[in-house]
């Protein structure tokens, strides 16, 4: 009786491991942003600490007395210091907002996961777009350059470029693309959109 739960534990651990690997392959790492942010904060902290020590020791930095710089800023024309403070604050606010959005908003690689019960499979969006374009081309019997596919996070767009005066069956192309997607079961699911460019092409 005790063998039942123990037998299911490795399977659950494997599933979590596979999901972690798939998430790592489909999302962009934010390590670089964290390193940049921490480096900037460290440099600012070092600069402030150095200036404070120099003032306490009555020394100069590269021949410049920090207290002289502060006194000159205090004696600056009215409004100049306020403008500098506002400009600096706005720059810091923009930088902070960029780091915040970069850390909160999802950032994904141009890839989708393919559902599998045992393996973690990741497919590039270009491969999915090429397969969808090929399926639409086979259903409509268009030429190699007459279908263009593109993949977003939730949509798969296929554009048909028939020769001028040639009618194509967009419904058949849509059904073919949907069958192609159903065969691989990508995650997150994609919504198929097949369009026929009304201008057409002129084949020489």
N, C-alpha and C. Protein backbone atom coordinates (compact mmCIF):
# COMPACT_ATOMS: atom_id res chain seq x y z
N UNK A 1 0.83 -1.21 0.00
CA UNK A 1 0.00 0.00 0.00
C UNK A 1 0.86 1.26 0.00
N UNK A 2 2.02 1.19 0.68
CA UNK A 2 2.86 2.38 0.76
C UNK A 2 3.60 2.67 -0.54
N UNK A 3 3.62 1.70 -1.46
CA UNK A 3 4.33 1.92 -2.70
C UNK A 3 3.62 2.85 -3.66
N UNK A 4 2.26 3.01 -3.48
CA UNK A 4 1.50 3.85 -4.41
C UNK A 4 1.94 5.30 -4.42
N UNK A 5 1.89 6.05 -3.32
CA UNK A 5 2.29 7.45 -3.30
C UNK A 5 3.75 7.65 -3.68
N UNK A 6 4.62 6.72 -3.23
CA UNK A 6 6.03 6.87 -3.55
C UNK A 6 6.26 6.75 -5.05
N UNK A 7 5.44 5.95 -5.73
CA UNK A 7 5.62 5.77 -7.16
C UNK A 7 5.19 6.98 -7.95
N UNK A 8 4.24 7.77 -7.40
CA UNK A 8 3.75 8.93 -8.14
C UNK A 8 4.61 10.17 -7.90
N UNK A 9 5.41 10.17 -6.85
CA UNK A 9 6.21 11.36 -6.53
C UNK A 9 7.23 11.68 -7.61
N UNK A 10 8.03 10.73 -8.15
CA UNK A 10 8.98 11.07 -9.21
C UNK A 10 8.31 11.65 -10.44
N UNK A 11 7.10 11.14 -10.77
CA UNK A 11 6.40 11.66 -11.94
C UNK A 11 6.03 13.12 -11.74
N UNK A 12 5.54 13.48 -10.56
CA UNK A 12 5.20 14.88 -10.29
C UNK A 12 6.44 15.75 -10.31
N UNK A 13 7.54 15.25 -9.76
CA UNK A 13 8.79 16.02 -9.78
C UNK A 13 9.27 16.21 -11.21
N UNK A 14 9.15 15.19 -12.03
CA UNK A 14 9.57 15.30 -13.42
C UNK A 14 8.72 16.32 -14.16
N UNK A 15 7.42 16.34 -13.88
CA UNK A 15 6.54 17.32 -14.53
C UNK A 15 6.94 18.74 -14.16
N UNK A 16 7.22 18.97 -12.91
CA UNK A 16 7.65 20.31 -12.49
C UNK A 16 8.99 20.68 -13.13
N UNK A 17 9.89 19.72 -13.22
CA UNK A 17 11.19 19.98 -13.84
C UNK A 17 11.03 20.33 -15.32
N UNK A 18 10.16 19.59 -16.01
CA UNK A 18 9.94 19.85 -17.43
C UNK A 18 9.29 21.22 -17.63
N UNK A 19 8.30 21.56 -16.79
CA UNK A 19 7.66 22.87 -16.90
C UNK A 19 8.65 23.99 -16.66
N UNK A 20 9.57 23.79 -15.72
CA UNK A 20 10.58 24.80 -15.44
C UNK A 20 11.51 24.98 -16.63
N UNK A 21 11.89 23.89 -17.26
CA UNK A 21 12.76 23.98 -18.43
C UNK A 21 12.05 24.67 -19.59
N UNK A 22 10.78 24.33 -19.81
CA UNK A 22 10.02 24.95 -20.89
C UNK A 22 9.86 26.44 -20.65
N UNK A 23 9.57 26.83 -19.40
CA UNK A 23 9.44 28.25 -19.08
C UNK A 23 10.76 28.98 -19.30
N UNK A 24 11.86 28.34 -18.99
CA UNK A 24 13.16 28.97 -19.18
C UNK A 24 13.47 29.16 -20.66
N UNK A 25 13.02 28.23 -21.50
CA UNK A 25 13.30 28.31 -22.93
C UNK A 25 12.35 29.25 -23.67
N UNK A 26 11.20 29.55 -23.08
CA UNK A 26 10.23 30.40 -23.77
C UNK A 26 10.16 31.81 -23.23
N UNK A 27 10.88 32.11 -22.16
CA UNK A 27 10.88 33.46 -21.61
C UNK A 27 12.30 34.00 -21.58
N UNK A 28 12.40 35.32 -21.61
CA UNK A 28 13.70 35.99 -21.63
C UNK A 28 14.22 36.16 -20.21
N UNK A 29 15.47 35.81 -20.01
CA UNK A 29 16.08 35.98 -18.70
C UNK A 29 16.29 37.47 -18.41
N UNK A 30 16.03 37.85 -17.15
CA UNK A 30 16.21 39.24 -16.74
C UNK A 30 17.48 39.43 -15.94
N UNK A 31 18.38 38.48 -16.01
CA UNK A 31 19.63 38.59 -15.24
C UNK A 31 20.43 39.81 -15.65
N UNK A 32 20.49 40.09 -16.95
CA UNK A 32 21.28 41.24 -17.41
C UNK A 32 20.72 42.54 -16.84
N UNK A 33 19.40 42.69 -16.82
CA UNK A 33 18.79 43.91 -16.28
C UNK A 33 19.08 44.05 -14.79
N UNK A 34 19.01 42.93 -14.08
CA UNK A 34 19.29 42.98 -12.65
C UNK A 34 20.74 43.39 -12.41
N UNK A 35 21.67 42.85 -13.20
CA UNK A 35 23.08 43.20 -13.04
C UNK A 35 23.30 44.68 -13.33
N UNK A 36 22.66 45.20 -14.39
CA UNK A 36 22.81 46.62 -14.72
C UNK A 36 22.26 47.49 -13.60
N UNK A 37 21.07 47.16 -13.10
CA UNK A 37 20.45 47.95 -12.04
C UNK A 37 21.32 47.94 -10.78
N UNK A 38 21.80 46.77 -10.39
CA UNK A 38 22.63 46.69 -9.19
C UNK A 38 23.95 47.42 -9.38
N UNK A 39 24.51 47.37 -10.60
CA UNK A 39 25.76 48.09 -10.86
C UNK A 39 25.56 49.60 -10.75
N UNK A 40 24.46 50.10 -11.31
CA UNK A 40 24.17 51.53 -11.23
C UNK A 40 23.98 51.96 -9.78
N UNK A 41 23.21 51.19 -9.03
CA UNK A 41 23.01 51.52 -7.62
C UNK A 41 24.32 51.48 -6.85
N UNK A 42 25.16 50.50 -7.15
CA UNK A 42 26.45 50.41 -6.46
C UNK A 42 27.33 51.61 -6.78
N UNK A 43 27.36 52.02 -8.04
CA UNK A 43 28.17 53.18 -8.42
C UNK A 43 27.67 54.45 -7.75
N UNK A 44 26.35 54.62 -7.70
CA UNK A 44 25.79 55.80 -7.04
C UNK A 44 26.14 55.79 -5.54
N UNK A 45 26.00 54.62 -4.90
CA UNK A 45 26.31 54.53 -3.48
C UNK A 45 27.78 54.81 -3.22
N UNK A 46 28.65 54.28 -4.08
CA UNK A 46 30.09 54.53 -3.91
C UNK A 46 30.41 56.01 -4.10
N UNK A 47 29.78 56.65 -5.09
CA UNK A 47 30.03 58.07 -5.33
C UNK A 47 29.59 58.91 -4.15
N UNK A 48 28.39 58.62 -3.61
CA UNK A 48 27.90 59.39 -2.46
C UNK A 48 28.78 59.17 -1.25
N UNK A 49 29.18 57.91 -1.00
CA UNK A 49 30.03 57.62 0.15
C UNK A 49 31.40 58.28 0.01
N UNK A 50 31.94 58.26 -1.19
CA UNK A 50 33.25 58.88 -1.42
C UNK A 50 33.19 60.39 -1.20
N UNK A 51 32.14 61.02 -1.72
CA UNK A 51 31.99 62.47 -1.53
C UNK A 51 31.84 62.81 -0.05
N UNK A 52 31.09 61.99 0.69
CA UNK A 52 30.92 62.26 2.13
C UNK A 52 32.23 62.13 2.87
N UNK A 53 33.02 61.11 2.54
CA UNK A 53 34.32 60.93 3.22
C UNK A 53 35.26 62.07 2.88
N UNK A 54 35.26 62.49 1.61
CA UNK A 54 36.13 63.60 1.20
C UNK A 54 35.77 64.87 1.95
N UNK A 55 34.50 65.15 2.11
CA UNK A 55 34.07 66.34 2.84
C UNK A 55 34.49 66.25 4.30
N UNK A 56 34.33 65.08 4.91
CA UNK A 56 34.70 64.93 6.32
C UNK A 56 36.20 65.09 6.53
N UNK A 57 36.98 64.62 5.57
CA UNK A 57 38.44 64.71 5.69
C UNK A 57 39.00 66.01 5.14
N UNK A 58 38.12 66.89 4.67
CA UNK A 58 38.54 68.18 4.12
C UNK A 58 39.55 68.00 2.98
N UNK A 59 39.23 67.06 2.10
CA UNK A 59 40.08 66.77 0.96
C UNK A 59 39.37 67.18 -0.33
N UNK A 60 40.06 66.94 -1.45
CA UNK A 60 39.52 67.27 -2.76
C UNK A 60 39.46 66.02 -3.64
N UNK A 61 38.57 66.07 -4.61
CA UNK A 61 38.46 64.99 -5.60
C UNK A 61 38.90 65.55 -6.94
N UNK A 62 40.05 65.05 -7.45
CA UNK A 62 40.59 65.52 -8.73
C UNK A 62 40.74 67.04 -8.71
N UNK A 63 41.16 67.57 -7.56
CA UNK A 63 41.37 69.01 -7.44
C UNK A 63 40.11 69.81 -7.21
N UNK A 64 38.99 69.15 -7.03
CA UNK A 64 37.70 69.85 -6.84
C UNK A 64 37.22 69.61 -5.42
N UNK A 65 36.86 70.67 -4.75
CA UNK A 65 36.31 70.59 -3.40
C UNK A 65 34.79 70.43 -3.50
N UNK A 66 34.23 69.30 -3.02
CA UNK A 66 32.77 69.11 -3.11
C UNK A 66 31.98 70.23 -2.47
N UNK A 67 32.52 70.79 -1.36
CA UNK A 67 31.79 71.87 -0.71
C UNK A 67 31.73 73.11 -1.58
N UNK A 68 32.80 73.36 -2.36
CA UNK A 68 32.77 74.49 -3.28
C UNK A 68 31.70 74.30 -4.34
N UNK A 69 31.57 73.06 -4.82
CA UNK A 69 30.55 72.76 -5.82
C UNK A 69 29.15 72.98 -5.25
N UNK A 70 28.95 72.55 -4.00
CA UNK A 70 27.63 72.73 -3.37
C UNK A 70 27.34 74.22 -3.17
N UNK A 71 28.37 74.99 -2.72
CA UNK A 71 28.17 76.42 -2.52
C UNK A 71 27.84 77.12 -3.85
N UNK A 72 28.52 76.70 -4.92
CA UNK A 72 28.24 77.30 -6.23
C UNK A 72 26.82 76.99 -6.68
N UNK A 73 26.37 75.78 -6.36
CA UNK A 73 24.98 75.42 -6.73
C UNK A 73 23.99 76.26 -5.95
N UNK A 74 24.30 76.53 -4.68
CA UNK A 74 23.40 77.34 -3.86
C UNK A 74 23.35 78.77 -4.37
N UNK A 75 24.49 79.29 -4.85
CA UNK A 75 24.53 80.67 -5.36
C UNK A 75 24.10 80.78 -6.82
N UNK A 76 23.66 79.69 -7.41
CA UNK A 76 23.26 79.72 -8.82
C UNK A 76 22.04 80.61 -9.00
N UNK A 77 21.82 81.13 -10.22
CA UNK A 77 20.65 81.98 -10.47
C UNK A 77 19.36 81.27 -10.09
N UNK A 78 18.39 82.07 -9.68
CA UNK A 78 17.10 81.52 -9.27
C UNK A 78 16.47 80.73 -10.42
N UNK A 79 16.01 79.55 -10.08
CA UNK A 79 15.35 78.72 -11.09
C UNK A 79 16.26 77.71 -11.74
N UNK A 80 17.58 77.97 -11.74
CA UNK A 80 18.51 77.04 -12.41
C UNK A 80 18.61 75.73 -11.64
N UNK A 81 18.76 75.84 -10.31
CA UNK A 81 18.86 74.63 -9.50
C UNK A 81 17.58 73.81 -9.59
N UNK A 82 16.44 74.51 -9.56
CA UNK A 82 15.16 73.79 -9.68
C UNK A 82 15.07 73.04 -11.00
N UNK A 83 15.54 73.69 -12.07
CA UNK A 83 15.48 73.03 -13.38
C UNK A 83 16.37 71.80 -13.42
N UNK A 84 17.57 71.91 -12.82
CA UNK A 84 18.48 70.77 -12.77
C UNK A 84 17.88 69.63 -11.95
N UNK A 85 17.30 70.00 -10.80
CA UNK A 85 16.69 68.98 -9.95
C UNK A 85 15.53 68.30 -10.67
N UNK A 86 14.69 69.07 -11.36
CA UNK A 86 13.56 68.49 -12.07
C UNK A 86 14.04 67.58 -13.20
N UNK A 87 15.05 68.05 -13.95
CA UNK A 87 15.57 67.23 -15.04
C UNK A 87 16.18 65.93 -14.53
N UNK A 88 16.94 66.02 -13.43
CA UNK A 88 17.55 64.82 -12.86
C UNK A 88 16.48 63.87 -12.33
N UNK A 89 15.47 64.44 -11.64
CA UNK A 89 14.39 63.60 -11.13
C UNK A 89 13.62 62.92 -12.24
N UNK A 90 13.37 63.66 -13.33
CA UNK A 90 12.65 63.05 -14.46
C UNK A 90 13.46 61.93 -15.08
N UNK A 91 14.78 62.14 -15.22
CA UNK A 91 15.62 61.08 -15.79
C UNK A 91 15.63 59.84 -14.90
N UNK A 92 15.74 60.05 -13.59
CA UNK A 92 15.72 58.91 -12.67
C UNK A 92 14.37 58.22 -12.67
N UNK A 93 13.28 58.99 -12.81
CA UNK A 93 11.95 58.39 -12.84
C UNK A 93 11.77 57.53 -14.09
N UNK A 94 12.25 58.03 -15.23
CA UNK A 94 12.15 57.25 -16.46
C UNK A 94 12.97 55.98 -16.36
N UNK A 95 14.17 56.10 -15.81
CA UNK A 95 15.01 54.92 -15.64
C UNK A 95 14.37 53.90 -14.70
N UNK A 96 13.82 54.39 -13.59
CA UNK A 96 13.15 53.49 -12.66
C UNK A 96 11.92 52.84 -13.26
N UNK A 97 11.16 53.62 -14.04
CA UNK A 97 9.97 53.06 -14.68
C UNK A 97 10.36 51.98 -15.69
N UNK A 98 11.47 52.21 -16.41
CA UNK A 98 11.92 51.21 -17.37
C UNK A 98 12.28 49.90 -16.68
N UNK A 99 13.02 50.00 -15.57
CA UNK A 99 13.39 48.79 -14.84
C UNK A 99 12.15 48.11 -14.26
N UNK A 100 11.19 48.90 -13.77
CA UNK A 100 9.97 48.33 -13.20
C UNK A 100 9.18 47.57 -14.26
N UNK A 101 8.95 48.21 -15.42
CA UNK A 101 8.19 47.56 -16.48
C UNK A 101 8.93 46.34 -17.01
N UNK A 102 10.26 46.46 -17.11
CA UNK A 102 11.03 45.33 -17.59
C UNK A 102 10.95 44.15 -16.64
N UNK A 103 10.79 44.44 -15.35
CA UNK A 103 10.70 43.36 -14.39
C UNK A 103 9.30 42.79 -14.23
N UNK A 104 8.26 43.62 -14.51
CA UNK A 104 6.89 43.17 -14.30
C UNK A 104 6.27 42.60 -15.56
N UNK A 105 6.45 43.28 -16.69
CA UNK A 105 5.81 42.83 -17.92
C UNK A 105 6.45 41.54 -18.42
N UNK A 106 5.63 40.66 -19.00
CA UNK A 106 6.19 39.40 -19.53
C UNK A 106 7.07 39.65 -20.74
N UNK A 107 8.16 38.96 -20.78
CA UNK A 107 9.07 39.04 -21.92
C UNK A 107 9.33 37.63 -22.41
N UNK A 108 8.92 37.33 -23.60
CA UNK A 108 9.03 35.97 -24.09
C UNK A 108 9.94 35.88 -25.30
N UNK A 109 10.48 34.71 -25.48
CA UNK A 109 11.24 34.43 -26.69
C UNK A 109 10.25 34.07 -27.80
N UNK A 110 10.66 34.22 -29.07
CA UNK A 110 9.76 33.85 -30.18
C UNK A 110 9.65 32.33 -30.31
N UNK A 111 9.07 31.72 -29.28
CA UNK A 111 8.93 30.26 -29.24
C UNK A 111 7.61 29.89 -28.60
N UNK A 112 7.16 28.69 -28.91
CA UNK A 112 5.97 28.13 -28.27
C UNK A 112 6.28 26.70 -27.82
N UNK A 113 5.64 26.31 -26.73
CA UNK A 113 5.79 24.94 -26.26
C UNK A 113 4.80 24.04 -26.98
N UNK A 114 5.20 22.82 -27.20
CA UNK A 114 4.34 21.80 -27.80
C UNK A 114 3.96 20.82 -26.71
N UNK A 115 2.66 20.58 -26.58
CA UNK A 115 2.18 19.71 -25.51
C UNK A 115 2.71 18.30 -25.68
N UNK A 116 3.23 17.74 -24.58
CA UNK A 116 3.73 16.38 -24.58
C UNK A 116 3.59 15.82 -23.18
N UNK A 117 3.24 14.55 -23.08
CA UNK A 117 3.02 13.95 -21.76
C UNK A 117 4.33 13.55 -21.08
N UNK A 118 5.41 13.42 -21.85
CA UNK A 118 6.65 12.93 -21.27
C UNK A 118 7.85 13.86 -21.48
N UNK A 119 7.79 14.70 -22.50
CA UNK A 119 8.93 15.52 -22.85
C UNK A 119 8.56 17.00 -22.85
N UNK A 120 9.56 17.85 -22.71
CA UNK A 120 9.37 19.28 -22.88
C UNK A 120 9.85 19.68 -24.25
N UNK A 121 8.94 20.05 -25.13
CA UNK A 121 9.26 20.36 -26.53
C UNK A 121 8.98 21.83 -26.78
N UNK A 122 9.95 22.54 -27.34
CA UNK A 122 9.81 23.95 -27.66
C UNK A 122 10.12 24.14 -29.14
N UNK A 123 9.25 24.90 -29.82
CA UNK A 123 9.38 25.11 -31.26
C UNK A 123 9.49 26.61 -31.52
N UNK A 124 10.42 27.00 -32.38
CA UNK A 124 10.54 28.40 -32.77
C UNK A 124 9.30 28.85 -33.54
N UNK A 125 8.93 30.11 -33.36
CA UNK A 125 7.76 30.64 -34.06
C UNK A 125 7.95 30.60 -35.57
N UNK A 126 9.19 30.75 -36.03
CA UNK A 126 9.44 30.71 -37.48
C UNK A 126 9.10 29.34 -38.05
N UNK A 127 9.36 28.30 -37.26
CA UNK A 127 9.02 26.94 -37.73
C UNK A 127 7.51 26.78 -37.81
N UNK A 128 6.79 27.28 -36.80
CA UNK A 128 5.33 27.20 -36.83
C UNK A 128 4.76 28.00 -38.01
N UNK A 129 5.31 29.20 -38.23
CA UNK A 129 4.83 30.02 -39.34
C UNK A 129 5.10 29.34 -40.68
N UNK A 130 6.25 28.71 -40.82
CA UNK A 130 6.58 28.02 -42.07
C UNK A 130 5.66 26.83 -42.29
N UNK A 131 5.38 26.08 -41.23
CA UNK A 131 4.49 24.93 -41.36
C UNK A 131 3.07 25.36 -41.72
N UNK A 132 2.61 26.46 -41.10
CA UNK A 132 1.27 26.96 -41.41
C UNK A 132 1.19 27.45 -42.84
N UNK A 133 2.21 28.16 -43.29
CA UNK A 133 2.23 28.64 -44.67
C UNK A 133 2.25 27.48 -45.65
N UNK A 134 3.00 26.45 -45.33
CA UNK A 134 3.06 25.27 -46.20
C UNK A 134 1.70 24.56 -46.28
N UNK A 135 1.01 24.47 -45.13
CA UNK A 135 -0.31 23.83 -45.13
C UNK A 135 -1.30 24.64 -45.96
N UNK A 136 -1.29 25.97 -45.80
CA UNK A 136 -2.19 26.81 -46.59
C UNK A 136 -1.85 26.73 -48.07
N UNK A 137 -0.59 26.65 -48.39
CA UNK A 137 -0.17 26.57 -49.78
C UNK A 137 -0.62 25.26 -50.42
N UNK A 138 -0.54 24.18 -49.64
CA UNK A 138 -0.98 22.88 -50.17
C UNK A 138 -2.48 22.85 -50.40
N UNK A 139 -3.23 23.51 -49.51
CA UNK A 139 -4.70 23.49 -49.65
C UNK A 139 -5.18 24.36 -50.80
N UNK A 140 -4.43 25.38 -51.14
CA UNK A 140 -4.87 26.30 -52.19
C UNK A 140 -4.08 26.15 -53.48
N UNK A 141 -3.04 25.30 -53.45
CA UNK A 141 -2.19 25.05 -54.63
C UNK A 141 -1.55 26.34 -55.15
N UNK A 142 -1.14 27.18 -54.23
CA UNK A 142 -0.42 28.39 -54.62
C UNK A 142 1.06 28.09 -54.75
N UNK A 143 1.79 29.04 -55.31
CA UNK A 143 3.22 28.86 -55.50
C UNK A 143 3.99 29.01 -54.21
N UNK A 144 5.29 28.67 -54.21
CA UNK A 144 6.10 28.71 -53.00
C UNK A 144 6.16 30.09 -52.34
N UNK A 145 6.10 31.15 -53.15
CA UNK A 145 6.21 32.50 -52.61
C UNK A 145 4.86 33.18 -52.42
N UNK A 146 3.79 32.41 -52.50
CA UNK A 146 2.45 33.01 -52.47
C UNK A 146 1.78 32.91 -51.10
N UNK A 147 2.49 32.41 -50.10
CA UNK A 147 1.94 32.36 -48.74
C UNK A 147 3.00 32.85 -47.76
N UNK A 148 2.56 33.67 -46.82
CA UNK A 148 3.46 34.22 -45.80
C UNK A 148 2.82 34.00 -44.44
N UNK A 149 3.56 33.41 -43.52
CA UNK A 149 3.05 33.16 -42.18
C UNK A 149 3.83 33.93 -41.13
N UNK A 150 3.14 34.32 -40.07
CA UNK A 150 3.78 34.99 -38.94
C UNK A 150 3.05 34.57 -37.67
N UNK A 151 3.82 34.47 -36.59
CA UNK A 151 3.27 33.97 -35.32
C UNK A 151 3.50 35.01 -34.25
N UNK A 152 2.41 35.34 -33.52
CA UNK A 152 2.50 36.17 -32.33
C UNK A 152 2.33 35.30 -31.10
N UNK A 153 2.10 35.92 -29.97
CA UNK A 153 1.92 35.13 -28.76
C UNK A 153 0.63 34.33 -28.80
N UNK A 154 -0.44 34.91 -29.33
CA UNK A 154 -1.74 34.24 -29.32
C UNK A 154 -2.35 34.05 -30.70
N UNK A 155 -1.70 34.55 -31.73
CA UNK A 155 -2.28 34.48 -33.08
C UNK A 155 -1.28 33.93 -34.07
N UNK A 156 -1.81 33.30 -35.10
CA UNK A 156 -1.02 32.84 -36.22
C UNK A 156 -1.66 33.41 -37.48
N UNK A 157 -0.96 34.28 -38.16
CA UNK A 157 -1.48 34.95 -39.35
C UNK A 157 -0.85 34.33 -40.60
N UNK A 158 -1.70 34.04 -41.55
CA UNK A 158 -1.25 33.55 -42.85
C UNK A 158 -1.84 34.46 -43.92
N UNK A 159 -0.98 35.02 -44.74
CA UNK A 159 -1.42 35.91 -45.82
C UNK A 159 -1.23 35.17 -47.14
N UNK A 160 -2.30 35.10 -47.93
CA UNK A 160 -2.25 34.46 -49.24
C UNK A 160 -2.06 35.53 -50.30
N UNK A 161 -1.14 35.29 -51.21
CA UNK A 161 -0.81 36.25 -52.27
C UNK A 161 -1.04 35.60 -53.63
N UNK A 162 -2.29 35.47 -54.03
CA UNK A 162 -2.55 34.83 -55.33
C UNK A 162 -2.18 35.75 -56.49
N UNK A 163 -1.99 35.15 -57.63
CA UNK A 163 -1.74 35.95 -58.83
C UNK A 163 -2.98 36.76 -59.15
N UNK A 164 -2.77 37.87 -59.82
CA UNK A 164 -3.88 38.75 -60.16
C UNK A 164 -4.95 38.00 -60.97
N UNK A 165 -6.19 38.08 -60.50
CA UNK A 165 -7.29 37.42 -61.19
C UNK A 165 -7.54 35.99 -60.79
N UNK A 166 -6.73 35.44 -59.87
CA UNK A 166 -6.88 34.06 -59.42
C UNK A 166 -7.61 34.04 -58.09
N UNK A 167 -8.68 33.25 -58.00
CA UNK A 167 -9.44 33.11 -56.75
C UNK A 167 -8.88 31.94 -55.94
N UNK A 168 -8.80 32.13 -54.63
CA UNK A 168 -8.33 31.06 -53.74
C UNK A 168 -9.40 30.81 -52.68
N UNK A 169 -9.39 29.60 -52.15
CA UNK A 169 -10.36 29.20 -51.14
C UNK A 169 -9.75 29.47 -49.76
N UNK A 170 -10.09 30.61 -49.18
CA UNK A 170 -9.55 30.96 -47.87
C UNK A 170 -10.04 30.02 -46.78
N UNK A 171 -11.26 29.50 -46.93
CA UNK A 171 -11.80 28.57 -45.92
C UNK A 171 -11.00 27.28 -45.91
N UNK A 172 -10.64 26.79 -47.08
CA UNK A 172 -9.83 25.57 -47.14
C UNK A 172 -8.45 25.80 -46.55
N UNK A 173 -7.88 26.97 -46.80
CA UNK A 173 -6.58 27.28 -46.22
C UNK A 173 -6.66 27.37 -44.70
N UNK A 174 -7.74 27.98 -44.19
CA UNK A 174 -7.92 28.08 -42.75
C UNK A 174 -8.04 26.71 -42.12
N UNK A 175 -8.84 25.83 -42.74
CA UNK A 175 -9.00 24.48 -42.21
C UNK A 175 -7.68 23.72 -42.21
N UNK A 176 -6.88 23.90 -43.25
CA UNK A 176 -5.59 23.21 -43.32
C UNK A 176 -4.65 23.70 -42.23
N UNK A 177 -4.63 25.00 -42.00
CA UNK A 177 -3.76 25.54 -40.96
C UNK A 177 -4.21 25.08 -39.57
N UNK A 178 -5.51 25.06 -39.34
CA UNK A 178 -6.02 24.62 -38.05
C UNK A 178 -5.72 23.14 -37.81
N UNK A 179 -5.77 22.32 -38.85
CA UNK A 179 -5.40 20.92 -38.69
C UNK A 179 -3.91 20.79 -38.35
N UNK A 180 -3.10 21.63 -38.97
CA UNK A 180 -1.67 21.60 -38.68
C UNK A 180 -1.40 21.97 -37.22
N UNK A 181 -2.12 22.98 -36.70
CA UNK A 181 -1.95 23.37 -35.31
C UNK A 181 -2.48 22.31 -34.36
N UNK A 182 -3.61 21.69 -34.72
CA UNK A 182 -4.18 20.67 -33.85
C UNK A 182 -3.25 19.47 -33.72
N UNK A 183 -2.44 19.23 -34.73
CA UNK A 183 -1.55 18.07 -34.69
C UNK A 183 -0.41 18.27 -33.70
N UNK A 184 -0.01 19.52 -33.45
CA UNK A 184 1.12 19.77 -32.55
C UNK A 184 0.68 20.30 -31.19
N UNK A 185 -0.51 20.91 -31.09
CA UNK A 185 -1.05 21.41 -29.82
C UNK A 185 -0.06 22.32 -29.11
N UNK A 186 0.16 23.49 -29.69
CA UNK A 186 1.10 24.43 -29.09
C UNK A 186 0.47 25.10 -27.88
N UNK A 187 1.32 25.55 -26.99
CA UNK A 187 0.86 26.28 -25.79
C UNK A 187 1.72 27.53 -25.62
N UNK A 188 1.10 28.71 -25.41
CA UNK A 188 -0.35 28.93 -25.36
C UNK A 188 -1.00 28.74 -26.73
N UNK A 189 -2.31 28.38 -26.75
CA UNK A 189 -2.99 28.11 -28.03
C UNK A 189 -2.96 29.33 -28.94
N UNK A 190 -2.96 29.07 -30.24
CA UNK A 190 -2.92 30.13 -31.24
C UNK A 190 -4.25 30.22 -31.97
N UNK A 191 -4.67 31.43 -32.24
CA UNK A 191 -5.87 31.67 -33.04
C UNK A 191 -5.45 31.90 -34.49
N UNK A 192 -6.06 31.16 -35.39
CA UNK A 192 -5.67 31.21 -36.80
C UNK A 192 -6.41 32.33 -37.52
N UNK A 193 -5.66 33.10 -38.30
CA UNK A 193 -6.25 34.13 -39.15
C UNK A 193 -5.62 34.02 -40.54
N UNK A 194 -6.47 33.72 -41.52
CA UNK A 194 -6.01 33.59 -42.90
C UNK A 194 -6.61 34.73 -43.70
N UNK A 195 -5.77 35.48 -44.39
CA UNK A 195 -6.23 36.61 -45.18
C UNK A 195 -5.73 36.49 -46.61
N UNK A 196 -6.53 37.00 -47.51
CA UNK A 196 -6.14 37.03 -48.92
C UNK A 196 -5.87 38.47 -49.30
N UNK A 197 -4.68 38.74 -49.74
CA UNK A 197 -4.35 40.10 -50.13
C UNK A 197 -5.12 40.46 -51.40
N UNK A 198 -5.95 41.51 -51.34
CA UNK A 198 -6.84 41.80 -52.47
C UNK A 198 -6.10 42.26 -53.71
N UNK A 199 -4.91 42.84 -53.58
CA UNK A 199 -4.23 43.37 -54.77
C UNK A 199 -3.69 42.26 -55.65
N UNK A 200 -3.31 41.13 -55.03
CA UNK A 200 -2.79 40.02 -55.82
C UNK A 200 -1.40 40.31 -56.35
N UNK A 201 -0.86 39.33 -57.08
CA UNK A 201 0.47 39.47 -57.66
C UNK A 201 0.36 39.40 -59.17
N UNK A 202 1.38 39.93 -59.82
CA UNK A 202 1.47 39.82 -61.27
C UNK A 202 2.65 38.91 -61.58
N UNK A 203 2.37 37.69 -62.01
CA UNK A 203 3.42 36.74 -62.30
C UNK A 203 3.91 36.91 -63.75
N UNK A 204 5.24 37.00 -63.88
CA UNK A 204 5.79 37.16 -65.19
C UNK A 204 6.20 35.84 -65.81
